[in-house]
Amino acid sequence: MEICLEKEKNNEKDARIIAEKIREVKLKDIVSEINLNFTNKKINIALDPEGVRALHTSQKTILDNFSEMKLKISEKGNAFVVDVANLNFKEMYKLKEKLKNITVSGIKGIDEILVVKRDKNFIILTSGSNLKEIMGFKGIDKNKTITNDLSEIRAVLGIEAARQAIVNEIKSVIEPQGLDINERHLKLVADAMCTSGEVKGVTRMGIISQKTSI
């Protein structure tokens, strides 16, 4: 994704703060160790204080992310203790692995972030995409933020936006190579891919399977 910022947030400091808040952080990224106590049937999760501080959050907020799992969890200093008295050893190990991958901060799917400056604007580039949740994030310029996930664009913004995104993506590939292809040809390809209301590839399973000509 290329995430643009609102005018009042368009500076390096705010851009980096928003970028850190957007990046998906899993529990395994902020723990120093996770131990299985088979004797007392407990899972001990020791948090890394520096990692928690870097997220600009608290232990209580992190604990709230476990609410959907309906586990018996208690705080003990910089650690969580999960009571798993009703689980066998194999189930305890599976739960431990599941807990490590719980998202504790950020937006799901945004793996990596990079803040860059273009002209006078600061833009956040991401690896991974989640257009729907980004659109509701405070400080984001919704009119200029884009993703290269065509299916996501169709789902969030509609088929016309997906059609325009196809044209833009093709242009971004051919123009740096000095290829001069009339824009009407690109629009014809985009129309053929989107005419059914879904984004279909130029493949035998996509638009070629539609027997009628454009």
Protein backbone atom coordinates (compact mmCIF):
# COMPACT_ATOMS: atom_id res chain seq x y z
CA MET A 1 0.00 0.00 0.00
CA GLU A 2 0.91 3.67 -0.36
CA ILE A 3 -0.65 5.50 2.59
CA CYS A 4 -0.95 9.28 2.37
CA LEU A 5 -1.50 11.49 5.42
CA GLU A 6 -3.85 14.37 6.19
CA LYS A 7 -2.38 17.87 6.01
CA GLU A 8 -1.88 18.32 9.79
CA LYS A 9 -0.17 14.91 10.08
CA ASN A 10 2.05 15.36 7.02
CA ASN A 11 5.38 15.58 8.85
CA GLU A 12 8.13 13.07 9.64
CA LYS A 13 7.36 12.73 13.37
CA ASP A 14 3.62 12.01 12.93
CA ALA A 15 4.30 9.81 9.89
CA ARG A 16 6.60 7.56 11.94
CA ILE A 17 4.15 7.40 14.88
CA ILE A 18 1.25 6.43 12.55
CA ALA A 19 3.48 3.91 10.77
CA GLU A 20 4.33 2.21 14.07
CA LYS A 21 0.66 2.11 15.05
CA ILE A 22 -0.29 0.59 11.69
CA ARG A 23 2.36 -2.19 11.65
CA GLU A 24 0.98 -5.52 12.78
CA VAL A 25 2.75 -6.75 15.92
CA LYS A 26 2.18 -10.29 17.16
CA LEU A 27 2.64 -11.50 20.72
CA LYS A 28 5.84 -13.38 19.79
CA ASP A 29 7.42 -10.03 18.79
CA ILE A 30 7.16 -8.56 22.31
CA VAL A 31 7.85 -11.55 24.59
CA SER A 32 11.16 -12.56 26.11
CA GLU A 33 9.99 -16.15 26.66
CA ILE A 34 6.95 -18.45 26.77
CA ASN A 35 7.18 -21.45 29.10
CA LEU A 36 4.91 -24.45 29.54
CA ASN A 37 4.45 -25.52 33.18
CA PHE A 38 3.20 -29.10 32.80
CA THR A 39 3.11 -29.72 36.57
CA ASN A 40 0.68 -26.89 37.40
CA LYS A 41 -0.94 -26.84 33.93
CA LYS A 42 -0.05 -23.21 33.21
CA ILE A 43 1.50 -21.23 30.34
CA ASN A 44 3.83 -18.43 31.49
CA ILE A 45 4.28 -15.52 29.06
CA ALA A 46 7.09 -13.11 30.00
CA LEU A 47 6.78 -9.76 28.20
CA ASP A 48 9.76 -7.69 27.06
CA PRO A 49 9.25 -4.23 28.75
CA GLU A 50 11.17 -2.46 25.96
CA GLY A 51 8.99 -4.11 23.31
CA VAL A 52 5.81 -3.05 25.14
CA ARG A 53 7.05 0.55 25.48
CA ALA A 54 7.93 0.71 21.77
CA LEU A 55 4.28 -0.06 20.95
CA HIS A 56 3.05 3.01 22.91
CA THR A 57 0.62 0.72 24.74
CA SER A 58 0.08 -0.97 28.12
CA GLN A 59 -0.07 -4.54 29.41
CA LYS A 60 -3.81 -4.17 30.04
CA THR A 61 -4.42 -3.19 26.40
CA ILE A 62 -2.38 -6.19 25.26
CA LEU A 63 -4.40 -8.42 27.60
CA ASP A 64 -7.65 -7.21 25.98
CA ASN A 65 -6.59 -8.95 22.75
CA PHE A 66 -7.03 -12.32 24.47
CA SER A 67 -10.69 -11.68 25.39
CA GLU A 68 -12.15 -13.57 22.41
CA MET A 69 -10.30 -16.75 23.40
CA LYS A 70 -12.07 -16.84 26.80
CA LEU A 71 -9.03 -18.01 28.74
CA LYS A 72 -8.25 -17.69 32.44
CA ILE A 73 -5.37 -15.19 32.34
CA SER A 74 -3.82 -13.28 35.23
CA GLU A 75 -1.09 -10.63 35.34
CA LYS A 76 2.05 -11.26 37.39
CA GLY A 77 4.54 -8.38 37.12
CA ASN A 78 5.74 -8.24 33.50
CA ALA A 79 4.13 -11.58 32.70
CA PHE A 80 0.80 -13.25 31.93
CA VAL A 81 -0.12 -16.61 33.43
CA VAL A 82 -2.64 -18.70 31.48
CA ASP A 83 -4.48 -21.38 33.47
CA VAL A 84 -5.05 -24.44 31.25
CA ALA A 85 -6.07 -27.06 33.83
CA ASN A 86 -8.56 -28.70 31.42
CA LEU A 87 -6.03 -29.28 28.59
CA ASN A 88 -3.72 -32.21 27.97
CA PHE A 89 -0.01 -31.77 27.11
CA LYS A 90 -0.56 -31.82 23.35
CA GLU A 91 -3.37 -29.23 23.57
CA MET A 92 -1.20 -27.03 25.81
CA TYR A 93 1.54 -26.96 23.17
CA LYS A 94 -0.97 -26.14 20.39
CA LEU A 95 -2.43 -23.30 22.49
CA LYS A 96 1.06 -21.92 23.12
CA GLU A 97 1.72 -21.72 19.36
CA LYS A 98 -1.68 -20.10 18.80
CA LEU A 99 -1.03 -17.47 21.47
CA LYS A 100 2.31 -16.52 19.89
CA ASN A 101 0.50 -15.46 16.70
CA ILE A 102 -2.19 -13.27 18.30
CA THR A 103 -2.14 -9.69 16.95
CA VAL A 104 -1.58 -7.33 19.90
CA SER A 105 -1.15 -4.07 18.00
CA GLY A 106 -1.57 -2.56 14.55
CA ILE A 107 -3.63 -3.61 11.53
CA LYS A 108 -3.79 -7.23 10.48
CA GLY A 109 -1.88 -7.94 7.25
CA ILE A 110 0.52 -4.96 7.44
CA ASP A 111 3.84 -6.80 7.92
CA GLU A 112 6.45 -4.15 7.15
CA ILE A 113 6.44 -0.34 6.97
CA LEU A 114 8.68 2.30 5.39
CA VAL A 115 8.29 6.08 5.65
CA VAL A 116 9.47 7.97 2.54
CA LYS A 117 9.38 11.61 1.44
CA ARG A 118 8.10 12.55 -2.01
CA ASP A 119 8.36 16.23 -2.82
CA LYS A 120 6.92 17.81 0.37
CA ASN A 121 4.77 14.83 1.36
CA PHE A 122 5.51 11.93 3.69
CA ILE A 123 4.13 8.59 2.52
CA ILE A 124 3.99 5.26 4.36
CA LEU A 125 4.80 2.26 2.15
CA THR A 126 3.72 -1.14 3.42
CA SER A 127 4.27 -4.81 2.75
CA GLY A 128 0.82 -6.35 3.03
CA SER A 129 -2.54 -4.71 2.52
CA ASN A 130 -5.74 -4.03 4.48
CA LEU A 131 -7.57 -1.19 2.74
CA LYS A 132 -10.82 -1.47 4.71
CA GLU A 133 -9.21 -0.97 8.13
CA ILE A 134 -6.74 1.66 6.91
CA MET A 135 -9.66 3.76 5.61
CA GLY A 136 -10.96 4.06 9.17
CA PHE A 137 -7.58 4.99 10.68
CA LYS A 138 -7.25 8.52 12.10
CA GLY A 139 -4.83 10.82 10.26
CA ILE A 140 -4.99 8.94 6.94
CA ASP A 141 -5.90 10.77 3.70
CA LYS A 142 -8.55 8.38 2.37
CA ASN A 143 -8.73 10.06 -1.05
CA LYS A 144 -5.06 9.44 -1.92
CA THR A 145 -4.30 6.14 -0.14
CA ILE A 146 -3.96 3.23 -2.59
CA THR A 147 -3.23 -0.49 -2.68
CA ASN A 148 -2.17 -2.79 -5.52
CA ASP A 149 -4.54 -5.54 -4.32
CA LEU A 150 -7.22 -5.39 -7.04
CA SER A 151 -9.62 -7.77 -5.28
CA GLU A 152 -9.46 -5.64 -2.14
CA ILE A 153 -10.14 -2.46 -4.13
CA ARG A 154 -13.20 -4.09 -5.72
CA ALA A 155 -14.50 -5.24 -2.32
CA VAL A 156 -13.99 -1.86 -0.59
CA LEU A 157 -14.39 0.78 -3.32
CA GLY A 158 -16.24 -1.08 -6.11
CA ILE A 159 -15.59 -2.43 -9.59
CA GLU A 160 -15.05 1.00 -11.25
CA ALA A 161 -12.20 1.72 -8.83
CA ALA A 162 -10.70 -1.72 -9.54
CA ARG A 163 -10.90 -1.00 -13.30
CA GLN A 164 -9.02 2.29 -12.87
CA ALA A 165 -6.45 0.57 -10.64
CA ILE A 166 -5.72 -1.95 -13.43
CA VAL A 167 -5.08 0.90 -15.88
CA ASN A 168 -2.83 2.67 -13.35
CA GLU A 169 -0.85 -0.51 -12.59
CA ILE A 170 -0.24 -1.28 -16.29
CA LYS A 171 0.87 2.33 -16.86
CA SER A 172 3.32 2.15 -13.95
CA VAL A 173 4.93 -0.93 -15.57
CA ILE A 174 5.13 0.18 -19.21
CA GLU A 175 5.95 3.90 -18.89
CA PRO A 176 9.42 3.50 -17.22
CA GLN A 177 10.35 1.17 -20.11
CA GLY A 178 9.59 3.88 -22.66
CA LEU A 179 6.73 1.92 -24.27
CA ASP A 180 4.19 4.14 -25.99
CA ILE A 181 0.85 2.30 -25.86
CA ASN A 182 -2.34 4.26 -26.41
CA GLU A 183 -4.38 4.49 -23.20
CA ARG A 184 -7.50 3.18 -24.99
CA HIS A 185 -5.82 -0.22 -25.35
CA LEU A 186 -5.20 -0.33 -21.58
CA LYS A 187 -8.81 0.64 -20.91
CA LEU A 188 -10.03 -2.09 -23.25
CA VAL A 189 -8.05 -4.70 -21.30
CA ALA A 190 -9.35 -3.29 -17.98
CA ASP A 191 -12.95 -3.30 -19.30
CA ALA A 192 -12.63 -6.93 -20.40
CA MET A 193 -11.28 -7.92 -16.96
CA CYS A 194 -14.05 -6.11 -15.05
CA THR A 195 -17.12 -6.40 -17.31
CA SER A 196 -18.70 -9.18 -15.19
CA GLY A 197 -18.51 -7.14 -11.97
CA GLU A 198 -15.59 -9.23 -10.70
CA VAL A 199 -11.88 -8.79 -11.46
CA LYS A 200 -10.91 -11.63 -13.82
CA GLY A 201 -7.42 -12.40 -15.06
CA VAL A 202 -6.34 -12.60 -18.72
CA THR A 203 -6.20 -16.38 -18.46
CA ARG A 204 -8.12 -19.39 -19.77
CA MET A 205 -9.94 -19.54 -16.42
CA GLY A 206 -10.64 -15.78 -16.52
CA ILE A 207 -11.83 -13.61 -19.40
CA ILE A 208 -10.84 -16.16 -22.08
CA SER A 209 -13.42 -18.59 -20.66
CA GLN A 210 -16.14 -16.05 -21.49
CA LYS A 211 -17.10 -17.05 -25.04
CA THR A 212 -18.63 -13.73 -26.06
CA SER A 213 -16.21 -11.19 -27.54
CA ILE A 214 -15.61 -7.77 -25.99
